[in-house]
Amino acid sequence: WEKRARIAPQRRPGTAEEVADLVA
């Protein structure tokens, strides 16, 4: 997962809390 996440421009995986902020 983390290796693949580094391919994206931000170079990291997200967190559940970041996604929850958007849902709320």
mmCIF file of all heavy atoms, coordinates in Angstrom:
data_MODEL
# 
_entry.id   MODEL 
# 
loop_
_atom_site.group_PDB 
_atom_site.id 
_atom_site.type_symbol 
_atom_site.label_atom_id 
_atom_site.label_alt_id 
_atom_site.label_comp_id 
_atom_site.label_asym_id 
_atom_site.label_entity_id 
_atom_site.label_seq_id 
_atom_site.pdbx_PDB_ins_code 
_atom_site.Cartn_x 
_atom_site.Cartn_y 
_atom_site.Cartn_z 
_atom_site.occupancy 
_atom_site.B_iso_or_equiv 
_atom_site.pdbx_formal_charge 
_atom_site.auth_seq_id 
_atom_site.auth_comp_id 
_atom_site.auth_asym_id 
_atom_site.auth_atom_id 
_atom_site.pdbx_PDB_model_num 
ATOM 1   N N   . TRP A 1 1  ? 0.812   -1.216 0.000  1.00 0.00 ? 1  TRP A N   1 
ATOM 2   C CA  . TRP A 1 1  ? 0.000   0.000  0.000  1.00 0.00 ? 1  TRP A CA  1 
ATOM 3   C C   . TRP A 1 1  ? 0.843   1.262  0.000  1.00 0.00 ? 1  TRP A C   1 
ATOM 4   O O   . TRP A 1 1  ? 0.655   2.153  -0.804 1.00 0.00 ? 1  TRP A O   1 
ATOM 5   C CB  . TRP A 1 1  ? -0.889  0.010  1.239  1.00 0.00 ? 1  TRP A CB  1 
ATOM 6   C CG  . TRP A 1 1  ? -2.285  -0.440 0.967  1.00 0.00 ? 1  TRP A CG  1 
ATOM 7   C CD1 . TRP A 1 1  ? -2.730  -1.183 -0.075 1.00 0.00 ? 1  TRP A CD1 1 
ATOM 8   C CD2 . TRP A 1 1  ? -3.425  -0.155 1.778  1.00 0.00 ? 1  TRP A CD2 1 
ATOM 9   N NE1 . TRP A 1 1  ? -4.079  -1.404 0.033  1.00 0.00 ? 1  TRP A NE1 1 
ATOM 10  C CE2 . TRP A 1 1  ? -4.524  -0.780 1.156  1.00 0.00 ? 1  TRP A CE2 1 
ATOM 11  C CE3 . TRP A 1 1  ? -3.611  0.548  2.959  1.00 0.00 ? 1  TRP A CE3 1 
ATOM 12  C CZ2 . TRP A 1 1  ? -5.809  -0.708 1.693  1.00 0.00 ? 1  TRP A CZ2 1 
ATOM 13  C CZ3 . TRP A 1 1  ? -4.884  0.613  3.488  1.00 0.00 ? 1  TRP A CZ3 1 
ATOM 14  C CH2 . TRP A 1 1  ? -5.971  -0.008 2.853  1.00 0.00 ? 1  TRP A CH2 1 
ATOM 15  N N   . GLU A 1 2  ? 1.759   1.345  0.971  1.00 0.00 ? 2  GLU A N   1 
ATOM 16  C CA  . GLU A 1 2  ? 2.515   2.584  1.120  1.00 0.00 ? 2  GLU A CA  1 
ATOM 17  C C   . GLU A 1 2  ? 3.413   2.810  -0.093 1.00 0.00 ? 2  GLU A C   1 
ATOM 18  O O   . GLU A 1 2  ? 3.587   3.945  -0.540 1.00 0.00 ? 2  GLU A O   1 
ATOM 19  C CB  . GLU A 1 2  ? 3.315   2.560  2.417  1.00 0.00 ? 2  GLU A CB  1 
ATOM 20  C CG  . GLU A 1 2  ? 2.419   2.574  3.645  1.00 0.00 ? 2  GLU A CG  1 
ATOM 21  C CD  . GLU A 1 2  ? 3.098   3.196  4.853  1.00 0.00 ? 2  GLU A CD  1 
ATOM 22  O OE1 . GLU A 1 2  ? 3.905   4.117  4.678  1.00 0.00 ? 2  GLU A OE1 1 
ATOM 23  O OE2 . GLU A 1 2  ? 2.802   2.750  5.963  1.00 0.00 ? 2  GLU A OE2 1 
ATOM 24  N N   . LYS A 1 3  ? 3.968   1.744  -0.633 1.00 0.00 ? 3  LYS A N   1 
ATOM 25  C CA  . LYS A 1 3  ? 4.798   1.882  -1.833 1.00 0.00 ? 3  LYS A CA  1 
ATOM 26  C C   . LYS A 1 3  ? 3.973   2.439  -2.991 1.00 0.00 ? 3  LYS A C   1 
ATOM 27  O O   . LYS A 1 3  ? 4.405   3.360  -3.691 1.00 0.00 ? 3  LYS A O   1 
ATOM 28  C CB  . LYS A 1 3  ? 5.382   0.521  -2.229 1.00 0.00 ? 3  LYS A CB  1 
ATOM 29  C CG  . LYS A 1 3  ? 6.245   0.566  -3.482 1.00 0.00 ? 3  LYS A CG  1 
ATOM 30  C CD  . LYS A 1 3  ? 6.810   -0.808 -3.800 1.00 0.00 ? 3  LYS A CD  1 
ATOM 31  C CE  . LYS A 1 3  ? 5.732   -1.758 -4.289 1.00 0.00 ? 3  LYS A CE  1 
ATOM 32  N NZ  . LYS A 1 3  ? 6.287   -3.066 -4.689 1.00 0.00 ? 3  LYS A NZ  1 
ATOM 33  N N   . ARG A 1 4  ? 2.775   1.909  -3.176 1.00 0.00 ? 4  ARG A N   1 
ATOM 34  C CA  . ARG A 1 4  ? 1.920   2.380  -4.261 1.00 0.00 ? 4  ARG A CA  1 
ATOM 35  C C   . ARG A 1 4  ? 1.433   3.807  -4.020 1.00 0.00 ? 4  ARG A C   1 
ATOM 36  O O   . ARG A 1 4  ? 1.256   4.579  -4.953 1.00 0.00 ? 4  ARG A O   1 
ATOM 37  C CB  . ARG A 1 4  ? 0.749   1.414  -4.463 1.00 0.00 ? 4  ARG A CB  1 
ATOM 38  C CG  . ARG A 1 4  ? 1.184   0.108  -5.094 1.00 0.00 ? 4  ARG A CG  1 
ATOM 39  C CD  . ARG A 1 4  ? 0.104   -0.944 -5.065 1.00 0.00 ? 4  ARG A CD  1 
ATOM 40  N NE  . ARG A 1 4  ? 0.622   -2.178 -5.624 1.00 0.00 ? 4  ARG A NE  1 
ATOM 41  C CZ  . ARG A 1 4  ? 0.400   -2.608 -6.867 1.00 0.00 ? 4  ARG A CZ  1 
ATOM 42  N NH1 . ARG A 1 4  ? -0.303  -1.865 -7.692 1.00 0.00 ? 4  ARG A NH1 1 
ATOM 43  N NH2 . ARG A 1 4  ? 0.899   -3.747 -7.286 1.00 0.00 ? 4  ARG A NH2 1 
ATOM 44  N N   . ALA A 1 5  ? 1.203   4.147  -2.751 1.00 0.00 ? 5  ALA A N   1 
ATOM 45  C CA  . ALA A 1 5  ? 0.748   5.505  -2.426 1.00 0.00 ? 5  ALA A CA  1 
ATOM 46  C C   . ALA A 1 5  ? 1.783   6.541  -2.829 1.00 0.00 ? 5  ALA A C   1 
ATOM 47  O O   . ALA A 1 5  ? 1.430   7.677  -3.165 1.00 0.00 ? 5  ALA A O   1 
ATOM 48  C CB  . ALA A 1 5  ? 0.447   5.607  -0.941 1.00 0.00 ? 5  ALA A CB  1 
ATOM 49  N N   . ARG A 1 6  ? 3.057   6.171  -2.818 1.00 0.00 ? 6  ARG A N   1 
ATOM 50  C CA  . ARG A 1 6  ? 4.113   7.130  -3.157 1.00 0.00 ? 6  ARG A CA  1 
ATOM 51  C C   . ARG A 1 6  ? 4.149   7.478  -4.642 1.00 0.00 ? 6  ARG A C   1 
ATOM 52  O O   . ARG A 1 6  ? 4.846   8.400  -5.048 1.00 0.00 ? 6  ARG A O   1 
ATOM 53  C CB  . ARG A 1 6  ? 5.474   6.589  -2.697 1.00 0.00 ? 6  ARG A CB  1 
ATOM 54  C CG  . ARG A 1 6  ? 5.650   6.595  -1.176 1.00 0.00 ? 6  ARG A CG  1 
ATOM 55  C CD  . ARG A 1 6  ? 7.099   6.423  -0.779 1.00 0.00 ? 6  ARG A CD  1 
ATOM 56  N NE  . ARG A 1 6  ? 7.623   5.126  -1.141 1.00 0.00 ? 6  ARG A NE  1 
ATOM 57  C CZ  . ARG A 1 6  ? 7.556   4.031  -0.373 1.00 0.00 ? 6  ARG A CZ  1 
ATOM 58  N NH1 . ARG A 1 6  ? 6.958   4.095  0.818  1.00 0.00 ? 6  ARG A NH1 1 
ATOM 59  N NH2 . ARG A 1 6  ? 8.083   2.892  -0.761 1.00 0.00 ? 6  ARG A NH2 1 
ATOM 60  N N   . ILE A 1 7  ? 3.365   6.769  -5.449 1.00 0.00 ? 7  ILE A N   1 
ATOM 61  C CA  . ILE A 1 7  ? 3.293   7.088  -6.874 1.00 0.00 ? 7  ILE A CA  1 
ATOM 62  C C   . ILE A 1 7  ? 2.459   8.343  -7.098 1.00 0.00 ? 7  ILE A C   1 
ATOM 63  O O   . ILE A 1 7  ? 2.701   9.115  -8.018 1.00 0.00 ? 7  ILE A O   1 
ATOM 64  C CB  . ILE A 1 7  ? 2.694   5.898  -7.657 1.00 0.00 ? 7  ILE A CB  1 
ATOM 65  C CG1 . ILE A 1 7  ? 3.608   4.667  -7.525 1.00 0.00 ? 7  ILE A CG1 1 
ATOM 66  C CG2 . ILE A 1 7  ? 2.476   6.260  -9.123 1.00 0.00 ? 7  ILE A CG2 1 
ATOM 67  C CD1 . ILE A 1 7  ? 2.997   3.406  -8.095 1.00 0.00 ? 7  ILE A CD1 1 
ATOM 68  N N   . ALA A 1 8  ? 1.455   8.565  -6.239 1.00 0.00 ? 8  ALA A N   1 
ATOM 69  C CA  . ALA A 1 8  ? 0.570   9.728  -6.381 1.00 0.00 ? 8  ALA A CA  1 
ATOM 70  C C   . ALA A 1 8  ? 1.324   11.016 -6.067 1.00 0.00 ? 8  ALA A C   1 
ATOM 71  O O   . ALA A 1 8  ? 2.347   10.992 -5.368 1.00 0.00 ? 8  ALA A O   1 
ATOM 72  C CB  . ALA A 1 8  ? -0.633  9.566  -5.453 1.00 0.00 ? 8  ALA A CB  1 
ATOM 73  N N   . PRO A 1 9  ? 0.855   12.148 -6.555 1.00 0.00 ? 9  PRO A N   1 
ATOM 74  C CA  . PRO A 1 9  ? 1.588   13.407 -6.370 1.00 0.00 ? 9  PRO A CA  1 
ATOM 75  C C   . PRO A 1 9  ? 1.918   13.753 -4.928 1.00 0.00 ? 9  PRO A C   1 
ATOM 76  O O   . PRO A 1 9  ? 2.996   14.307 -4.663 1.00 0.00 ? 9  PRO A O   1 
ATOM 77  C CB  . PRO A 1 9  ? 0.642   14.446 -6.997 1.00 0.00 ? 9  PRO A CB  1 
ATOM 78  C CG  . PRO A 1 9  ? -0.046  13.695 -8.079 1.00 0.00 ? 9  PRO A CG  1 
ATOM 79  C CD  . PRO A 1 9  ? -0.267  12.321 -7.508 1.00 0.00 ? 9  PRO A CD  1 
ATOM 80  N N   . GLN A 1 10 ? 1.042   13.453 -3.975 1.00 0.00 ? 10 GLN A N   1 
ATOM 81  C CA  . GLN A 1 10 ? 1.339   13.799 -2.588 1.00 0.00 ? 10 GLN A CA  1 
ATOM 82  C C   . GLN A 1 10 ? 2.273   12.793 -1.911 1.00 0.00 ? 10 GLN A C   1 
ATOM 83  O O   . GLN A 1 10 ? 2.735   13.031 -0.801 1.00 0.00 ? 10 GLN A O   1 
ATOM 84  C CB  . GLN A 1 10 ? 0.053   13.952 -1.777 1.00 0.00 ? 10 GLN A CB  1 
ATOM 85  C CG  . GLN A 1 10 ? -0.673  15.246 -2.064 1.00 0.00 ? 10 GLN A CG  1 
ATOM 86  C CD  . GLN A 1 10 ? -1.700  15.593 -0.996 1.00 0.00 ? 10 GLN A CD  1 
ATOM 87  O OE1 . GLN A 1 10 ? -2.195  14.742 -0.270 1.00 0.00 ? 10 GLN A OE1 1 
ATOM 88  N NE2 . GLN A 1 10 ? -2.016  16.867 -0.892 1.00 0.00 ? 10 GLN A NE2 1 
ATOM 89  N N   . ARG A 1 11 ? 2.550   11.677 -2.574 1.00 0.00 ? 11 ARG A N   1 
ATOM 90  C CA  . ARG A 1 11 ? 3.569   10.724 -2.121 1.00 0.00 ? 11 ARG A CA  1 
ATOM 91  C C   . ARG A 1 11 ? 3.283   10.105 -0.747 1.00 0.00 ? 11 ARG A C   1 
ATOM 92  O O   . ARG A 1 11 ? 4.194   9.799  0.000  1.00 0.00 ? 11 ARG A O   1 
ATOM 93  C CB  . ARG A 1 11 ? 4.964   11.388 -2.060 1.00 0.00 ? 11 ARG A CB  1 
ATOM 94  C CG  . ARG A 1 11 ? 5.399   12.043 -3.354 1.00 0.00 ? 11 ARG A CG  1 
ATOM 95  C CD  . ARG A 1 11 ? 5.877   10.989 -4.362 1.00 0.00 ? 11 ARG A CD  1 
ATOM 96  N NE  . ARG A 1 11 ? 6.401   11.661 -5.538 1.00 0.00 ? 11 ARG A NE  1 
ATOM 97  C CZ  . ARG A 1 11 ? 5.710   11.856 -6.665 1.00 0.00 ? 11 ARG A CZ  1 
ATOM 98  N NH1 . ARG A 1 11 ? 4.467   11.422 -6.741 1.00 0.00 ? 11 ARG A NH1 1 
ATOM 99  N NH2 . ARG A 1 11 ? 6.250   12.468 -7.696 1.00 0.00 ? 11 ARG A NH2 1 
ATOM 100 N N   . ARG A 1 12 ? 2.011   9.923  -0.392 1.00 0.00 ? 12 ARG A N   1 
ATOM 101 C CA  . ARG A 1 12 ? 1.690   9.294  0.889  1.00 0.00 ? 12 ARG A CA  1 
ATOM 102 C C   . ARG A 1 12 ? 0.277   8.744  0.846  1.00 0.00 ? 12 ARG A C   1 
ATOM 103 O O   . ARG A 1 12 ? -0.557  9.197  0.045  1.00 0.00 ? 12 ARG A O   1 
ATOM 104 C CB  . ARG A 1 12 ? 1.790   10.305 2.033  1.00 0.00 ? 12 ARG A CB  1 
ATOM 105 C CG  . ARG A 1 12 ? 0.735   11.415 2.001  1.00 0.00 ? 12 ARG A CG  1 
ATOM 106 C CD  . ARG A 1 12 ? 0.748   12.247 3.266  1.00 0.00 ? 12 ARG A CD  1 
ATOM 107 N NE  . ARG A 1 12 ? -0.218  13.340 3.253  1.00 0.00 ? 12 ARG A NE  1 
ATOM 108 C CZ  . ARG A 1 12 ? -1.492  13.236 3.651  1.00 0.00 ? 12 ARG A CZ  1 
ATOM 109 N NH1 . ARG A 1 12 ? -1.963  12.054 4.064  1.00 0.00 ? 12 ARG A NH1 1 
ATOM 110 N NH2 . ARG A 1 12 ? -2.299  14.283 3.626  1.00 0.00 ? 12 ARG A NH2 1 
ATOM 111 N N   . PRO A 1 13 ? -0.037  7.783  1.697  1.00 0.00 ? 13 PRO A N   1 
ATOM 112 C CA  . PRO A 1 13 ? -1.433  7.358  1.828  1.00 0.00 ? 13 PRO A CA  1 
ATOM 113 C C   . PRO A 1 13 ? -2.221  8.371  2.638  1.00 0.00 ? 13 PRO A C   1 
ATOM 114 O O   . PRO A 1 13 ? -1.653  9.178  3.386  1.00 0.00 ? 13 PRO A O   1 
ATOM 115 C CB  . PRO A 1 13 ? -1.318  6.019  2.575  1.00 0.00 ? 13 PRO A CB  1 
ATOM 116 C CG  . PRO A 1 13 ? -0.060  6.142  3.362  1.00 0.00 ? 13 PRO A CG  1 
ATOM 117 C CD  . PRO A 1 13 ? 0.882   6.995  2.546  1.00 0.00 ? 13 PRO A CD  1 
ATOM 118 N N   . GLY A 1 14 ? -3.530  8.342  2.499  1.00 0.00 ? 14 GLY A N   1 
ATOM 119 C CA  . GLY A 1 14 ? -4.382  9.187  3.311  1.00 0.00 ? 14 GLY A CA  1 
ATOM 120 C C   . GLY A 1 14 ? -4.717  8.519  4.629  1.00 0.00 ? 14 GLY A C   1 
ATOM 121 O O   . GLY A 1 14 ? -4.344  7.369  4.897  1.00 0.00 ? 14 GLY A O   1 
ATOM 122 N N   . THR A 1 15 ? -5.438  9.238  5.461  1.00 0.00 ? 15 THR A N   1 
ATOM 123 C CA  . THR A 1 15 ? -5.897  8.691  6.729  1.00 0.00 ? 15 THR A CA  1 
ATOM 124 C C   . THR A 1 15 ? -7.416  8.662  6.741  1.00 0.00 ? 15 THR A C   1 
ATOM 125 O O   . THR A 1 15 ? -8.086  9.437  6.036  1.00 0.00 ? 15 THR A O   1 
ATOM 126 C CB  . THR A 1 15 ? -5.417  9.534  7.919  1.00 0.00 ? 15 THR A CB  1 
ATOM 127 O OG1 . THR A 1 15 ? -6.072  10.814 7.892  1.00 0.00 ? 15 THR A OG1 1 
ATOM 128 C CG2 . THR A 1 15 ? -3.899  9.726  7.873  1.00 0.00 ? 15 THR A CG2 1 
ATOM 129 N N   . ALA A 1 16 ? -7.952  7.788  7.569  1.00 0.00 ? 16 ALA A N   1 
ATOM 130 C CA  . ALA A 1 16 ? -9.407  7.705  7.695  1.00 0.00 ? 16 ALA A CA  1 
ATOM 131 C C   . ALA A 1 16 ? -9.990  9.020  8.190  1.00 0.00 ? 16 ALA A C   1 
ATOM 132 O O   . ALA A 1 16 ? -11.091 9.418  7.785  1.00 0.00 ? 16 ALA A O   1 
ATOM 133 C CB  . ALA A 1 16 ? -9.771  6.566  8.641  1.00 0.00 ? 16 ALA A CB  1 
ATOM 134 N N   . GLU A 1 17 ? -9.262  9.703  9.039  1.00 0.00 ? 17 GLU A N   1 
ATOM 135 C CA  . GLU A 1 17 ? -9.758  10.972 9.586  1.00 0.00 ? 17 GLU A CA  1 
ATOM 136 C C   . GLU A 1 17 ? -9.867  12.047 8.506  1.00 0.00 ? 17 GLU A C   1 
ATOM 137 O O   . GLU A 1 17 ? -10.807 12.855 8.516  1.00 0.00 ? 17 GLU A O   1 
ATOM 138 C CB  . GLU A 1 17 ? -8.840  11.443 10.720 1.00 0.00 ? 17 GLU A CB  1 
ATOM 139 C CG  . GLU A 1 17 ? -8.943  10.624 11.995 1.00 0.00 ? 17 GLU A CG  1 
ATOM 140 C CD  . GLU A 1 17 ? -8.319  9.227  11.869 1.00 0.00 ? 17 GLU A CD  1 
ATOM 141 O OE1 . GLU A 1 17 ? -7.423  9.040  11.007 1.00 0.00 ? 17 GLU A OE1 1 
ATOM 142 O OE2 . GLU A 1 17 ? -8.731  8.322  12.626 1.00 0.00 ? 17 GLU A OE2 1 
ATOM 143 N N   . GLU A 1 18 ? -8.927  12.060 7.571  1.00 0.00 ? 18 GLU A N   1 
ATOM 144 C CA  . GLU A 1 18 ? -9.008  13.026 6.472  1.00 0.00 ? 18 GLU A CA  1 
ATOM 145 C C   . GLU A 1 18 ? -10.251 12.770 5.619  1.00 0.00 ? 18 GLU A C   1 
ATOM 146 O O   . GLU A 1 18 ? -10.935 13.711 5.183  1.00 0.00 ? 18 GLU A O   1 
ATOM 147 C CB  . GLU A 1 18 ? -7.743  12.950 5.613  1.00 0.00 ? 18 GLU A CB  1 
ATOM 148 C CG  . GLU A 1 18 ? -6.505  13.528 6.291  1.00 0.00 ? 18 GLU A CG  1 
ATOM 149 C CD  . GLU A 1 18 ? -5.240  13.291 5.506  1.00 0.00 ? 18 GLU A CD  1 
ATOM 150 O OE1 . GLU A 1 18 ? -5.029  12.175 5.001  1.00 0.00 ? 18 GLU A OE1 1 
ATOM 151 O OE2 . GLU A 1 18 ? -4.437  14.238 5.399  1.00 0.00 ? 18 GLU A OE2 1 
ATOM 152 N N   . VAL A 1 19 ? -10.552 11.506 5.388  1.00 0.00 ? 19 VAL A N   1 
ATOM 153 C CA  . VAL A 1 19 ? -11.738 11.171 4.606  1.00 0.00 ? 19 VAL A CA  1 
ATOM 154 C C   . VAL A 1 19 ? -13.004 11.514 5.386  1.00 0.00 ? 19 VAL A C   1 
ATOM 155 O O   . VAL A 1 19 ? -13.977 12.049 4.829  1.00 0.00 ? 19 VAL A O   1 
ATOM 156 C CB  . VAL A 1 19 ? -11.722 9.686  4.208  1.00 0.00 ? 19 VAL A CB  1 
ATOM 157 C CG1 . VAL A 1 19 ? -12.971 9.336  3.406  1.00 0.00 ? 19 VAL A CG1 1 
ATOM 158 C CG2 . VAL A 1 19 ? -10.471 9.347  3.403  1.00 0.00 ? 19 VAL A CG2 1 
ATOM 159 N N   . ALA A 1 20 ? -13.006 11.235 6.683  1.00 0.00 ? 20 ALA A N   1 
ATOM 160 C CA  . ALA A 1 20 ? -14.174 11.537 7.517  1.00 0.00 ? 20 ALA A CA  1 
ATOM 161 C C   . ALA A 1 20 ? -14.473 13.030 7.537  1.00 0.00 ? 20 ALA A C   1 
ATOM 162 O O   . ALA A 1 20 ? -15.641 13.442 7.586  1.00 0.00 ? 20 ALA A O   1 
ATOM 163 C CB  . ALA A 1 20 ? -13.953 11.025 8.942  1.00 0.00 ? 20 ALA A CB  1 
ATOM 164 N N   . ASP A 1 21 ? -13.444 13.862 7.496  1.00 0.00 ? 21 ASP A N   1 
ATOM 165 C CA  . ASP A 1 21 ? -13.647 15.308 7.428  1.00 0.00 ? 21 ASP A CA  1 
ATOM 166 C C   . ASP A 1 21 ? -14.468 15.670 6.186  1.00 0.00 ? 21 ASP A C   1 
ATOM 167 O O   . ASP A 1 21 ? -15.372 16.510 6.233  1.00 0.00 ? 21 ASP A O   1 
ATOM 168 C CB  . ASP A 1 21 ? -12.309 16.044 7.366  1.00 0.00 ? 21 ASP A CB  1 
ATOM 169 C CG  . ASP A 1 21 ? -11.586 16.076 8.700  1.00 0.00 ? 21 ASP A CG  1 
ATOM 170 O OD1 . ASP A 1 21 ? -12.206 15.735 9.728  1.00 0.00 ? 21 ASP A OD1 1 
ATOM 171 O OD2 . ASP A 1 21 ? -10.395 16.443 8.723  1.00 0.00 ? 21 ASP A OD2 1 
ATOM 172 N N   . LEU A 1 22 ? -14.139 15.040 5.064  1.00 0.00 ? 22 LEU A N   1 
ATOM 173 C CA  . LEU A 1 22 ? -14.865 15.312 3.819  1.00 0.00 ? 22 LEU A CA  1 
ATOM 174 C C   . LEU A 1 22 ? -16.304 14.816 3.905  1.00 0.00 ? 22 LEU A C   1 
ATOM 175 O O   . LEU A 1 22 ? -17.239 15.504 3.480  1.00 0.00 ? 22 LEU A O   1 
ATOM 176 C CB  . LEU A 1 22 ? -14.142 14.654 2.643  1.00 0.00 ? 22 LEU A CB  1 
ATOM 177 C CG  . LEU A 1 22 ? -14.828 14.762 1.281  1.00 0.00 ? 22 LEU A CG  1 
ATOM 178 C CD1 . LEU A 1 22 ? -15.040 16.219 0.880  1.00 0.00 ? 22 LEU A CD1 1 
ATOM 179 C CD2 . LEU A 1 22 ? -14.019 14.014 0.222  1.00 0.00 ? 22 LEU A CD2 1 
ATOM 180 N N   . VAL A 1 23 ? -16.498 13.626 4.462  1.00 0.00 ? 23 VAL A N   1 
ATOM 181 C CA  . VAL A 1 23 ? -17.855 13.086 4.612  1.00 0.00 ? 23 VAL A CA  1 
ATOM 182 C C   . VAL A 1 23 ? -18.711 14.023 5.444  1.00 0.00 ? 23 VAL A C   1 
ATOM 183 O O   . VAL A 1 23 ? -19.854 14.354 5.078  1.00 0.00 ? 23 VAL A O   1 
ATOM 184 C CB  . VAL A 1 23 ? -17.822 11.684 5.251  1.00 0.00 ? 23 VAL A CB  1 
ATOM 185 C CG1 . VAL A 1 23 ? -19.246 11.188 5.525  1.00 0.00 ? 23 VAL A CG1 1 
ATOM 186 C CG2 . VAL A 1 23 ? -17.082 10.692 4.363  1.00 0.00 ? 23 VAL A CG2 1 
ATOM 187 N N   . ALA A 1 24 ? -18.170 14.472 6.572  1.00 0.00 ? 24 ALA A N   1 
ATOM 188 C CA  . ALA A 1 24 ? -18.930 15.364 7.451  1.00 0.00 ? 24 ALA A CA  1 
ATOM 189 C C   . ALA A 1 24 ? -19.276 16.675 6.749  1.00 0.00 ? 24 ALA A C   1 
ATOM 190 O O   . ALA A 1 24 ? -20.380 17.207 6.906  1.00 0.00 ? 24 ALA A O   1 
ATOM 191 C CB  . ALA A 1 24 ? -18.148 15.629 8.731  1.00 0.00 ? 24 ALA A CB  1 
# 
